[in-house]
Amino acid sequence: MLNSFYDKFIFTNGLKYKHNNFYLLNLPFVIAPNELFIGLLEVEDEEFGRKLYYVTKESVKKHLLREFDLDFGFEGEKLVNFLETYFVASGWGSIKTIDLDSENKKAIVKVSNNPFSSHLHKRVSQPCDHFLRGILAGLFSRVFRAEIDCVEVHCIALGEQDCEFIIKQHKDFNVESKHVRQQLELDL
């Protein structure tokens, strides 16, 4: 027994291991040690962090969401709930959308027990989870059907209790904010 989310796919033969690769339905995935991600996230170079964020965001929009659309076809809040369940079951921590404003295309997401930031506790000097920022921006771009960005404003790696992410359209971010200047390209 893995967990209730993956157990359903095992039971229905939706989780497979073939040709030395794992597949959830038709979506290939790997099981990897956290340290592979942590090594990238502890690089304290703002330009590198922004590049990692934007590459992750585009990959989610172009590839991951296409697979989810083919297999599940969820929209709006149902899509948000499914994606929370998927990422929590996949070991990304306890992810919860604490504020969802579809009309204004805004959300706030909190992550407890973040497997990456928890291991980087006091090893970095600024919010560092560029992968999760990119994933959230890509996912919410689909949920809101608009170009969305994400900024991490609280981070477990900095000694805070949870990681917190602000998600909204680029134009709605305050460019005077230190977090926005560090994490997003301002000349978009």
N, C-alpha and C. Protein backbone atom coordinates (compact mmCIF):
# COMPACT_ATOMS: atom_id res chain seq x y z
N MET A 1 0.84 -1.18 0.00
CA MET A 1 0.00 0.00 0.00
C MET A 1 0.89 1.25 0.00
N LEU A 2 0.71 2.13 -0.98
CA LEU A 2 1.51 3.34 -1.09
C LEU A 2 0.81 4.48 -0.35
N ASN A 3 -0.25 5.00 -0.87
CA ASN A 3 -1.16 5.94 -0.21
C ASN A 3 -2.48 5.87 -0.96
N SER A 4 -3.53 6.44 -0.41
CA SER A 4 -4.85 6.23 -1.00
C SER A 4 -4.95 6.75 -2.43
N PHE A 5 -4.23 7.81 -2.76
CA PHE A 5 -4.27 8.35 -4.12
C PHE A 5 -3.66 7.35 -5.10
N TYR A 6 -2.43 6.91 -4.85
CA TYR A 6 -1.76 5.99 -5.77
C TYR A 6 -2.33 4.58 -5.71
N ASP A 7 -2.84 4.18 -4.55
CA ASP A 7 -3.45 2.86 -4.44
C ASP A 7 -4.60 2.69 -5.43
N LYS A 8 -5.39 3.75 -5.65
CA LYS A 8 -6.49 3.68 -6.62
C LYS A 8 -5.95 3.38 -8.02
N PHE A 9 -4.82 4.01 -8.37
CA PHE A 9 -4.25 3.78 -9.70
C PHE A 9 -3.61 2.40 -9.81
N ILE A 10 -3.05 1.91 -8.72
CA ILE A 10 -2.51 0.55 -8.72
C ILE A 10 -3.64 -0.45 -8.93
N PHE A 11 -4.74 -0.24 -8.18
CA PHE A 11 -5.89 -1.13 -8.25
C PHE A 11 -6.51 -1.15 -9.66
N THR A 12 -6.56 0.00 -10.32
CA THR A 12 -7.18 0.09 -11.66
C THR A 12 -6.16 -0.08 -12.78
N ASN A 13 -4.93 -0.45 -12.42
CA ASN A 13 -3.86 -0.66 -13.38
C ASN A 13 -3.46 0.64 -14.11
N GLY A 14 -3.67 1.78 -13.43
CA GLY A 14 -3.29 3.08 -14.01
C GLY A 14 -1.87 3.48 -13.67
N LEU A 15 -1.27 2.79 -12.71
CA LEU A 15 0.13 3.04 -12.35
C LEU A 15 0.92 1.84 -12.83
N LYS A 16 1.88 2.10 -13.71
CA LYS A 16 2.62 1.00 -14.34
C LYS A 16 4.12 1.25 -14.27
N TYR A 17 4.83 0.16 -14.34
CA TYR A 17 6.28 0.18 -14.47
C TYR A 17 6.60 -0.64 -15.70
N LYS A 18 7.00 0.04 -16.78
CA LYS A 18 7.31 -0.68 -18.00
C LYS A 18 8.52 -0.05 -18.67
N HIS A 19 9.31 -0.88 -19.30
CA HIS A 19 10.54 -0.43 -19.97
C HIS A 19 11.43 0.38 -19.02
N ASN A 20 11.49 -0.07 -17.76
CA ASN A 20 12.30 0.56 -16.72
C ASN A 20 11.88 1.98 -16.40
N ASN A 21 10.61 2.31 -16.59
CA ASN A 21 10.07 3.63 -16.29
C ASN A 21 8.72 3.50 -15.60
N PHE A 22 8.40 4.49 -14.72
CA PHE A 22 7.10 4.56 -14.08
C PHE A 22 6.16 5.42 -14.92
N TYR A 23 4.87 5.06 -14.93
CA TYR A 23 3.84 5.83 -15.63
C TYR A 23 2.60 5.90 -14.76
N LEU A 24 2.07 7.10 -14.60
CA LEU A 24 0.76 7.30 -13.99
C LEU A 24 -0.15 7.61 -15.16
N LEU A 25 -1.00 6.64 -15.50
CA LEU A 25 -1.75 6.65 -16.76
C LEU A 25 -0.70 6.75 -17.86
N ASN A 26 -0.64 7.81 -18.62
CA ASN A 26 0.38 7.91 -19.66
C ASN A 26 1.49 8.89 -19.31
N LEU A 27 1.49 9.39 -18.10
CA LEU A 27 2.44 10.41 -17.67
C LEU A 27 3.67 9.75 -17.04
N PRO A 28 4.83 9.87 -17.69
CA PRO A 28 6.04 9.28 -17.11
C PRO A 28 6.50 10.08 -15.89
N PHE A 29 7.02 9.38 -14.89
CA PHE A 29 7.57 10.06 -13.72
C PHE A 29 8.68 9.21 -13.12
N VAL A 30 9.45 9.84 -12.24
CA VAL A 30 10.54 9.15 -11.56
C VAL A 30 10.37 9.30 -10.05
N ILE A 31 10.96 8.40 -9.34
CA ILE A 31 11.10 8.52 -7.90
C ILE A 31 12.57 8.88 -7.68
N ALA A 32 12.80 10.02 -7.05
CA ALA A 32 14.18 10.52 -6.94
C ALA A 32 14.44 11.04 -5.53
N PRO A 33 15.68 10.96 -5.08
CA PRO A 33 16.03 11.52 -3.77
C PRO A 33 15.86 13.05 -3.78
N ASN A 34 15.38 13.60 -2.67
CA ASN A 34 15.21 15.05 -2.54
C ASN A 34 16.48 15.81 -2.85
N GLU A 35 17.61 15.24 -2.51
CA GLU A 35 18.88 15.95 -2.65
C GLU A 35 19.15 16.37 -4.09
N LEU A 36 18.59 15.66 -5.06
CA LEU A 36 18.77 16.08 -6.45
C LEU A 36 18.15 17.45 -6.70
N PHE A 37 17.02 17.72 -6.07
CA PHE A 37 16.36 19.02 -6.19
C PHE A 37 17.02 20.04 -5.27
N ILE A 38 17.34 19.61 -4.07
CA ILE A 38 17.90 20.52 -3.06
C ILE A 38 19.19 21.15 -3.55
N GLY A 39 20.02 20.37 -4.22
CA GLY A 39 21.27 20.92 -4.74
C GLY A 39 21.04 22.09 -5.68
N LEU A 40 19.99 22.01 -6.49
CA LEU A 40 19.67 23.12 -7.39
C LEU A 40 19.05 24.30 -6.64
N LEU A 41 18.22 24.01 -5.64
CA LEU A 41 17.50 25.07 -4.94
C LEU A 41 18.38 25.86 -3.97
N GLU A 42 19.51 25.28 -3.56
CA GLU A 42 20.36 26.03 -2.64
C GLU A 42 21.33 26.97 -3.36
N VAL A 43 21.32 26.97 -4.70
CA VAL A 43 22.14 27.92 -5.46
C VAL A 43 21.53 29.30 -5.28
N GLU A 44 22.26 30.19 -4.62
CA GLU A 44 21.73 31.53 -4.35
C GLU A 44 22.19 32.51 -5.43
N ASP A 45 21.57 32.35 -6.58
CA ASP A 45 21.82 33.22 -7.72
C ASP A 45 20.43 33.57 -8.27
N GLU A 46 20.03 34.82 -8.13
CA GLU A 46 18.67 35.23 -8.51
C GLU A 46 18.37 34.93 -9.97
N GLU A 47 19.33 35.15 -10.86
CA GLU A 47 19.09 34.88 -12.27
C GLU A 47 18.85 33.39 -12.51
N PHE A 48 19.65 32.54 -11.87
CA PHE A 48 19.47 31.10 -11.99
C PHE A 48 18.09 30.69 -11.46
N GLY A 49 17.69 31.23 -10.30
CA GLY A 49 16.39 30.93 -9.72
C GLY A 49 15.25 31.32 -10.64
N ARG A 50 15.36 32.50 -11.25
CA ARG A 50 14.32 32.93 -12.19
C ARG A 50 14.27 32.02 -13.41
N LYS A 51 15.43 31.63 -13.94
CA LYS A 51 15.46 30.73 -15.10
C LYS A 51 14.83 29.38 -14.75
N LEU A 52 15.18 28.84 -13.60
CA LEU A 52 14.62 27.57 -13.16
C LEU A 52 13.09 27.68 -13.04
N TYR A 53 12.62 28.78 -12.49
CA TYR A 53 11.19 29.04 -12.35
C TYR A 53 10.50 29.07 -13.71
N TYR A 54 11.01 29.87 -14.62
CA TYR A 54 10.34 30.02 -15.92
C TYR A 54 10.39 28.74 -16.76
N VAL A 55 11.49 28.02 -16.69
CA VAL A 55 11.57 26.75 -17.43
C VAL A 55 10.57 25.74 -16.86
N THR A 56 10.46 25.67 -15.55
CA THR A 56 9.51 24.76 -14.91
C THR A 56 8.08 25.15 -15.27
N LYS A 57 7.78 26.43 -15.19
CA LYS A 57 6.43 26.93 -15.51
C LYS A 57 6.04 26.54 -16.94
N GLU A 58 6.92 26.78 -17.88
CA GLU A 58 6.60 26.47 -19.28
C GLU A 58 6.45 24.97 -19.51
N SER A 59 7.27 24.17 -18.85
CA SER A 59 7.17 22.72 -18.98
C SER A 59 5.83 22.22 -18.45
N VAL A 60 5.40 22.76 -17.32
CA VAL A 60 4.10 22.37 -16.75
C VAL A 60 2.99 22.72 -17.73
N LYS A 61 3.03 23.93 -18.28
CA LYS A 61 1.97 24.37 -19.20
C LYS A 61 1.95 23.54 -20.48
N LYS A 62 3.11 23.24 -21.03
CA LYS A 62 3.18 22.57 -22.33
C LYS A 62 3.02 21.06 -22.25
N HIS A 63 3.48 20.45 -21.17
CA HIS A 63 3.53 18.99 -21.12
C HIS A 63 2.64 18.39 -20.04
N LEU A 64 2.87 18.76 -18.80
CA LEU A 64 2.15 18.13 -17.70
C LEU A 64 0.65 18.36 -17.80
N LEU A 65 0.25 19.59 -18.04
CA LEU A 65 -1.18 19.88 -18.09
C LEU A 65 -1.86 19.23 -19.28
N ARG A 66 -1.16 19.08 -20.37
CA ARG A 66 -1.73 18.41 -21.53
C ARG A 66 -2.08 16.96 -21.16
N GLU A 67 -1.20 16.30 -20.45
CA GLU A 67 -1.47 14.92 -20.03
C GLU A 67 -2.65 14.86 -19.06
N PHE A 68 -2.70 15.79 -18.10
CA PHE A 68 -3.82 15.81 -17.16
C PHE A 68 -5.13 16.08 -17.88
N ASP A 69 -5.13 16.98 -18.86
CA ASP A 69 -6.34 17.27 -19.62
C ASP A 69 -6.84 16.04 -20.36
N LEU A 70 -5.91 15.29 -20.96
CA LEU A 70 -6.30 14.10 -21.71
C LEU A 70 -6.93 13.05 -20.82
N ASP A 71 -6.37 12.91 -19.61
CA ASP A 71 -6.81 11.82 -18.75
C ASP A 71 -7.92 12.18 -17.78
N PHE A 72 -8.03 13.45 -17.39
CA PHE A 72 -8.98 13.80 -16.35
C PHE A 72 -9.99 14.87 -16.77
N GLY A 73 -9.57 15.87 -17.53
CA GLY A 73 -10.47 16.90 -18.02
C GLY A 73 -11.09 17.79 -16.96
N PHE A 74 -10.45 17.96 -15.81
CA PHE A 74 -10.98 18.81 -14.75
C PHE A 74 -10.86 20.28 -15.11
N GLU A 75 -11.72 21.10 -14.52
CA GLU A 75 -11.71 22.56 -14.71
C GLU A 75 -11.79 23.24 -13.35
N GLY A 76 -11.35 24.49 -13.28
CA GLY A 76 -11.54 25.35 -12.12
C GLY A 76 -11.15 24.73 -10.80
N GLU A 77 -12.06 24.84 -9.83
CA GLU A 77 -11.78 24.37 -8.48
C GLU A 77 -11.57 22.86 -8.41
N LYS A 78 -12.24 22.09 -9.27
CA LYS A 78 -12.02 20.64 -9.32
C LYS A 78 -10.59 20.33 -9.75
N LEU A 79 -10.07 21.11 -10.70
CA LEU A 79 -8.69 20.93 -11.12
C LEU A 79 -7.73 21.27 -9.98
N VAL A 80 -7.99 22.37 -9.27
CA VAL A 80 -7.16 22.76 -8.13
C VAL A 80 -7.16 21.64 -7.09
N ASN A 81 -8.32 21.10 -6.75
CA ASN A 81 -8.41 20.03 -5.75
C ASN A 81 -7.66 18.77 -6.20
N PHE A 82 -7.83 18.39 -7.47
CA PHE A 82 -7.12 17.22 -7.97
C PHE A 82 -5.61 17.43 -7.91
N LEU A 83 -5.13 18.60 -8.33
CA LEU A 83 -3.69 18.85 -8.35
C LEU A 83 -3.10 18.90 -6.95
N GLU A 84 -3.85 19.46 -6.00
CA GLU A 84 -3.39 19.43 -4.60
C GLU A 84 -3.22 17.98 -4.15
N THR A 85 -4.23 17.17 -4.42
CA THR A 85 -4.19 15.76 -4.02
C THR A 85 -3.02 15.04 -4.69
N TYR A 86 -2.83 15.28 -5.99
CA TYR A 86 -1.75 14.64 -6.73
C TYR A 86 -0.38 15.00 -6.14
N PHE A 87 -0.11 16.29 -5.93
CA PHE A 87 1.20 16.69 -5.44
C PHE A 87 1.43 16.30 -3.98
N VAL A 88 0.39 16.36 -3.16
CA VAL A 88 0.52 15.90 -1.77
C VAL A 88 0.85 14.41 -1.76
N ALA A 89 0.12 13.61 -2.54
CA ALA A 89 0.34 12.16 -2.59
C ALA A 89 1.71 11.83 -3.18
N SER A 90 2.27 12.74 -3.95
CA SER A 90 3.57 12.52 -4.58
C SER A 90 4.74 12.97 -3.71
N GLY A 91 4.45 13.44 -2.50
CA GLY A 91 5.52 13.75 -1.56
C GLY A 91 6.01 15.18 -1.57
N TRP A 92 5.22 16.12 -2.10
CA TRP A 92 5.64 17.52 -2.18
C TRP A 92 5.25 18.31 -0.94
N GLY A 93 4.82 17.65 0.11
CA GLY A 93 4.40 18.32 1.34
C GLY A 93 2.89 18.44 1.37
N SER A 94 2.40 19.13 2.39
CA SER A 94 0.97 19.36 2.53
C SER A 94 0.64 20.68 1.84
N ILE A 95 0.01 20.59 0.68
CA ILE A 95 -0.27 21.76 -0.16
C ILE A 95 -1.75 22.10 -0.01
N LYS A 96 -2.02 23.36 0.30
CA LYS A 96 -3.40 23.79 0.49
C LYS A 96 -3.60 25.18 -0.09
N THR A 97 -4.59 25.30 -0.96
CA THR A 97 -4.97 26.61 -1.48
C THR A 97 -5.83 27.26 -0.40
N ILE A 98 -5.32 28.34 0.21
CA ILE A 98 -6.05 28.97 1.32
C ILE A 98 -6.90 30.14 0.85
N ASP A 99 -6.67 30.62 -0.35
CA ASP A 99 -7.50 31.68 -0.91
C ASP A 99 -7.53 31.49 -2.42
N LEU A 100 -8.71 31.28 -2.97
CA LEU A 100 -8.87 31.10 -4.41
C LEU A 100 -9.90 32.11 -4.89
N ASP A 101 -9.45 33.06 -5.71
CA ASP A 101 -10.30 34.11 -6.25
C ASP A 101 -10.25 33.99 -7.78
N SER A 102 -11.12 33.13 -8.32
CA SER A 102 -11.12 32.87 -9.76
C SER A 102 -11.47 34.10 -10.57
N GLU A 103 -12.39 34.91 -10.07
CA GLU A 103 -12.81 36.10 -10.80
C GLU A 103 -11.65 37.07 -11.04
N ASN A 104 -10.81 37.27 -10.02
CA ASN A 104 -9.67 38.19 -10.13
C ASN A 104 -8.37 37.47 -10.46
N LYS A 105 -8.44 36.16 -10.70
CA LYS A 105 -7.29 35.35 -11.09
C LYS A 105 -6.15 35.46 -10.06
N LYS A 106 -6.50 35.16 -8.80
CA LYS A 106 -5.53 35.23 -7.71
C LYS A 106 -5.71 34.04 -6.78
N ALA A 107 -4.62 33.63 -6.16
CA ALA A 107 -4.68 32.55 -5.17
C ALA A 107 -3.51 32.69 -4.21
N ILE A 108 -3.68 32.12 -3.04
CA ILE A 108 -2.60 31.98 -2.07
C ILE A 108 -2.53 30.50 -1.72
N VAL A 109 -1.33 29.95 -1.81
CA VAL A 109 -1.11 28.53 -1.52
C VAL A 109 -0.09 28.41 -0.40
N LYS A 110 -0.41 27.60 0.60
CA LYS A 110 0.51 27.31 1.70
C LYS A 110 0.99 25.88 1.58
N VAL A 111 2.27 25.68 1.89
CA VAL A 111 2.85 24.34 1.87
C VAL A 111 3.51 24.10 3.22
N SER A 112 3.03 23.07 3.91
CA SER A 112 3.65 22.62 5.16
C SER A 112 4.47 21.38 4.83
N ASN A 113 5.48 21.13 5.60
CA ASN A 113 6.32 19.94 5.42
C ASN A 113 6.91 19.87 4.02
N ASN A 114 7.29 21.02 3.49
CA ASN A 114 7.91 21.09 2.17
C ASN A 114 9.20 20.26 2.20
N PRO A 115 9.32 19.22 1.38
CA PRO A 115 10.46 18.32 1.47
C PRO A 115 11.79 18.96 1.05
N PHE A 116 11.73 20.05 0.32
CA PHE A 116 12.95 20.71 -0.14
C PHE A 116 13.36 21.82 0.83
N SER A 117 12.46 22.74 1.10
CA SER A 117 12.77 23.85 1.99
C SER A 117 13.11 23.38 3.39
N SER A 118 12.45 22.31 3.84
CA SER A 118 12.74 21.78 5.18
C SER A 118 14.21 21.37 5.31
N HIS A 119 14.76 20.79 4.25
CA HIS A 119 16.16 20.35 4.29
C HIS A 119 17.14 21.50 4.07
N LEU A 120 16.65 22.61 3.59
CA LEU A 120 17.50 23.78 3.36
C LEU A 120 17.44 24.78 4.52
N HIS A 121 16.82 24.36 5.61
CA HIS A 121 16.63 25.24 6.77
C HIS A 121 17.94 25.94 7.14
N LYS A 122 17.91 27.26 7.03
CA LYS A 122 19.02 28.15 7.40
C LYS A 122 20.25 27.97 6.51
N ARG A 123 20.11 27.27 5.36
CA ARG A 123 21.23 27.14 4.42
C ARG A 123 21.12 28.14 3.28
N VAL A 124 20.02 28.89 3.22
CA VAL A 124 19.82 29.89 2.18
C VAL A 124 19.37 31.20 2.83
N SER A 125 19.48 32.30 2.08
CA SER A 125 19.13 33.60 2.65
C SER A 125 17.88 34.22 2.01
N GLN A 126 17.24 33.50 1.09
CA GLN A 126 16.01 34.02 0.47
C GLN A 126 15.12 32.84 0.09
N PRO A 127 13.82 33.09 -0.15
CA PRO A 127 12.93 32.00 -0.56
C PRO A 127 13.54 31.26 -1.75
N CYS A 128 13.41 29.93 -1.75
CA CYS A 128 14.21 29.14 -2.68
C CYS A 128 13.47 28.10 -3.51
N ASP A 129 12.17 27.94 -3.32
CA ASP A 129 11.50 26.83 -4.00
C ASP A 129 11.02 27.22 -5.39
N HIS A 130 11.97 27.37 -6.30
CA HIS A 130 11.68 27.80 -7.67
C HIS A 130 10.92 26.74 -8.45
N PHE A 131 11.14 25.46 -8.14
CA PHE A 131 10.38 24.39 -8.80
C PHE A 131 8.89 24.53 -8.48
N LEU A 132 8.58 24.62 -7.19
CA LEU A 132 7.17 24.68 -6.80
C LEU A 132 6.54 25.98 -7.30
N ARG A 133 7.27 27.08 -7.29
CA ARG A 133 6.74 28.33 -7.86
C ARG A 133 6.37 28.13 -9.33
N GLY A 134 7.27 27.49 -10.09
CA GLY A 134 7.01 27.25 -11.50
C GLY A 134 5.83 26.32 -11.72
N ILE A 135 5.76 25.28 -10.90
CA ILE A 135 4.64 24.34 -11.00
C ILE A 135 3.32 25.06 -10.72
N LEU A 136 3.29 25.84 -9.65
CA LEU A 136 2.06 26.56 -9.30
C LEU A 136 1.68 27.57 -10.37
N ALA A 137 2.65 28.31 -10.90
CA ALA A 137 2.35 29.30 -11.95
C ALA A 137 1.80 28.61 -13.19
N GLY A 138 2.39 27.51 -13.58
CA GLY A 138 1.90 26.77 -14.74
C GLY A 138 0.51 26.21 -14.52
N LEU A 139 0.29 25.62 -13.35
CA LEU A 139 -1.01 25.04 -13.05
C LEU A 139 -2.10 26.10 -12.99
N PHE A 140 -1.82 27.19 -12.29
CA PHE A 140 -2.84 28.23 -12.16
C PHE A 140 -3.03 29.02 -13.46
N SER A 141 -2.06 29.01 -14.35
CA SER A 141 -2.27 29.59 -15.68
C SER A 141 -3.39 28.81 -16.38
N ARG A 142 -3.41 27.51 -16.17
CA ARG A 142 -4.47 26.66 -16.73
C ARG A 142 -5.79 26.86 -16.00
N VAL A 143 -5.74 26.91 -14.69
CA VAL A 143 -6.95 27.07 -13.88
C VAL A 143 -7.64 28.39 -14.22
N PHE A 144 -6.86 29.48 -14.30
CA PHE A 144 -7.43 30.81 -14.54
C PHE A 144 -7.52 31.16 -16.03
N ARG A 145 -6.95 30.31 -16.87
CA ARG A 145 -6.93 30.57 -18.32
C ARG A 145 -6.35 31.96 -18.61
N ALA A 146 -5.20 32.22 -17.99
CA ALA A 146 -4.48 33.48 -18.16
C ALA A 146 -3.01 33.23 -17.85
N GLU A 147 -2.16 34.13 -18.24
CA GLU A 147 -0.74 34.02 -17.91
C GLU A 147 -0.55 34.43 -16.45
N ILE A 148 -0.13 33.48 -15.63
CA ILE A 148 -0.04 33.66 -14.19
C ILE A 148 1.40 33.53 -13.74
N ASP A 149 1.78 34.29 -12.71
CA ASP A 149 3.09 34.16 -12.08
C ASP A 149 2.91 33.84 -10.61
N CYS A 150 4.02 33.47 -9.98
CA CYS A 150 3.99 33.03 -8.58
C CYS A 150 5.23 33.54 -7.87
N VAL A 151 5.04 34.07 -6.67
CA VAL A 151 6.13 34.56 -5.83
C VAL A 151 6.02 33.89 -4.47
N GLU A 152 7.14 33.38 -3.98
CA GLU A 152 7.18 32.79 -2.63
C GLU A 152 7.49 33.91 -1.64
N VAL A 153 6.56 34.13 -0.70
CA VAL A 153 6.73 35.22 0.27
C VAL A 153 7.13 34.74 1.66
N HIS A 154 6.91 33.48 1.95
CA HIS A 154 7.35 32.87 3.21
C HIS A 154 8.00 31.55 2.85
N CYS A 155 9.06 31.17 3.59
CA CYS A 155 9.81 29.97 3.24
C CYS A 155 10.31 29.26 4.49
N ILE A 156 10.04 27.98 4.56
CA ILE A 156 10.50 27.16 5.68
C ILE A 156 12.02 27.21 5.79
N ALA A 157 12.71 27.30 4.66
CA ALA A 157 14.18 27.34 4.67
C ALA A 157 14.70 28.56 5.42
N LEU A 158 13.88 29.60 5.55
CA LEU A 158 14.28 30.81 6.27
C LEU A 158 13.84 30.78 7.73
N GLY A 159 13.33 29.65 8.18
CA GLY A 159 12.92 29.49 9.57
C GLY A 159 11.44 29.75 9.80
N GLU A 160 10.67 29.96 8.74
CA GLU A 160 9.24 30.19 8.89
C GLU A 160 8.50 28.86 8.99
N GLN A 161 7.29 28.89 9.53
CA GLN A 161 6.54 27.66 9.76
C GLN A 161 6.12 26.97 8.47
N ASP A 162 5.69 27.74 7.49
CA ASP A 162 5.22 27.19 6.21
C ASP A 162 5.82 27.99 5.07
N CYS A 163 5.72 27.43 3.88
CA CYS A 163 6.01 28.20 2.67
C CYS A 163 4.68 28.77 2.20
N GLU A 164 4.71 30.00 1.71
CA GLU A 164 3.49 30.62 1.21
C GLU A 164 3.78 31.26 -0.14
N PHE A 165 2.86 31.01 -1.08
CA PHE A 165 3.03 31.46 -2.45
C PHE A 165 1.85 32.34 -2.85
N ILE A 166 2.16 33.49 -3.44
CA ILE A 166 1.16 34.39 -3.99
C ILE A 166 1.10 34.15 -5.49
N ILE A 167 -0.10 33.94 -6.00
CA ILE A 167 -0.29 33.56 -7.39
C ILE A 167 -1.26 34.56 -8.02
N LYS A 168 -0.81 35.22 -9.10
CA LYS A 168 -1.69 36.16 -9.81
C LYS A 168 -1.04 36.58 -11.11
N GLN A 169 -1.72 37.41 -11.86
CA GLN A 169 -1.18 37.89 -13.12
C GLN A 169 0.02 38.79 -12.85
N HIS A 170 0.98 38.74 -13.76
CA HIS A 170 2.22 39.50 -13.61
C HIS A 170 1.94 40.98 -13.33
N LYS A 171 1.00 41.56 -14.05
CA LYS A 171 0.70 42.99 -13.93
C LYS A 171 0.18 43.36 -12.54
N ASP A 172 -0.31 42.39 -11.78
CA ASP A 172 -0.88 42.67 -10.47
C ASP A 172 0.14 42.62 -9.32
N PHE A 173 1.38 42.22 -9.63
CA PHE A 173 2.41 42.20 -8.59
C PHE A 173 2.98 43.60 -8.38
N ASN A 174 3.33 43.90 -7.15
CA ASN A 174 3.97 45.16 -6.80
C ASN A 174 5.47 45.04 -7.07
N VAL A 175 5.95 45.73 -8.08
CA VAL A 175 7.36 45.63 -8.47
C VAL A 175 8.30 46.25 -7.43
N GLU A 176 7.75 46.94 -6.44
CA GLU A 176 8.57 47.49 -5.36
C GLU A 176 8.90 46.43 -4.30
N SER A 177 8.17 45.32 -4.32
CA SER A 177 8.39 44.25 -3.34
C SER A 177 9.73 43.56 -3.61
N LYS A 178 10.49 43.36 -2.55
CA LYS A 178 11.78 42.67 -2.65
C LYS A 178 11.61 41.28 -3.24
N HIS A 179 10.60 40.55 -2.78
CA HIS A 179 10.37 39.19 -3.27
C HIS A 179 10.06 39.18 -4.76
N VAL A 180 9.27 40.13 -5.22
CA VAL A 180 8.92 40.21 -6.64
C VAL A 180 10.17 40.51 -7.46
N ARG A 181 10.96 41.47 -7.03
CA ARG A 181 12.18 41.83 -7.77
C ARG A 181 13.17 40.67 -7.82
N GLN A 182 13.26 39.88 -6.77
CA GLN A 182 14.19 38.75 -6.75
C GLN A 182 13.71 37.58 -7.60
N GLN A 183 12.39 37.38 -7.69
CA GLN A 183 11.87 36.13 -8.24
C GLN A 183 11.28 36.23 -9.64
N LEU A 184 10.91 37.43 -10.10
CA LEU A 184 10.27 37.55 -11.40
C LEU A 184 11.06 38.48 -12.32
N GLU A 185 10.96 38.22 -13.62
CA GLU A 185 11.49 39.15 -14.60
C GLU A 185 10.56 40.36 -14.60
N LEU A 186 11.09 41.54 -14.42
CA LEU A 186 10.26 42.72 -14.29
C LEU A 186 9.94 43.36 -15.64
N ASP A 187 10.67 43.05 -16.66
CA ASP A 187 10.48 43.71 -17.95
C ASP A 187 9.63 42.88 -18.91
N LEU A 188 8.67 42.14 -18.39
CA LEU A 188 7.77 41.35 -19.26
C LEU A 188 6.64 42.20 -19.80
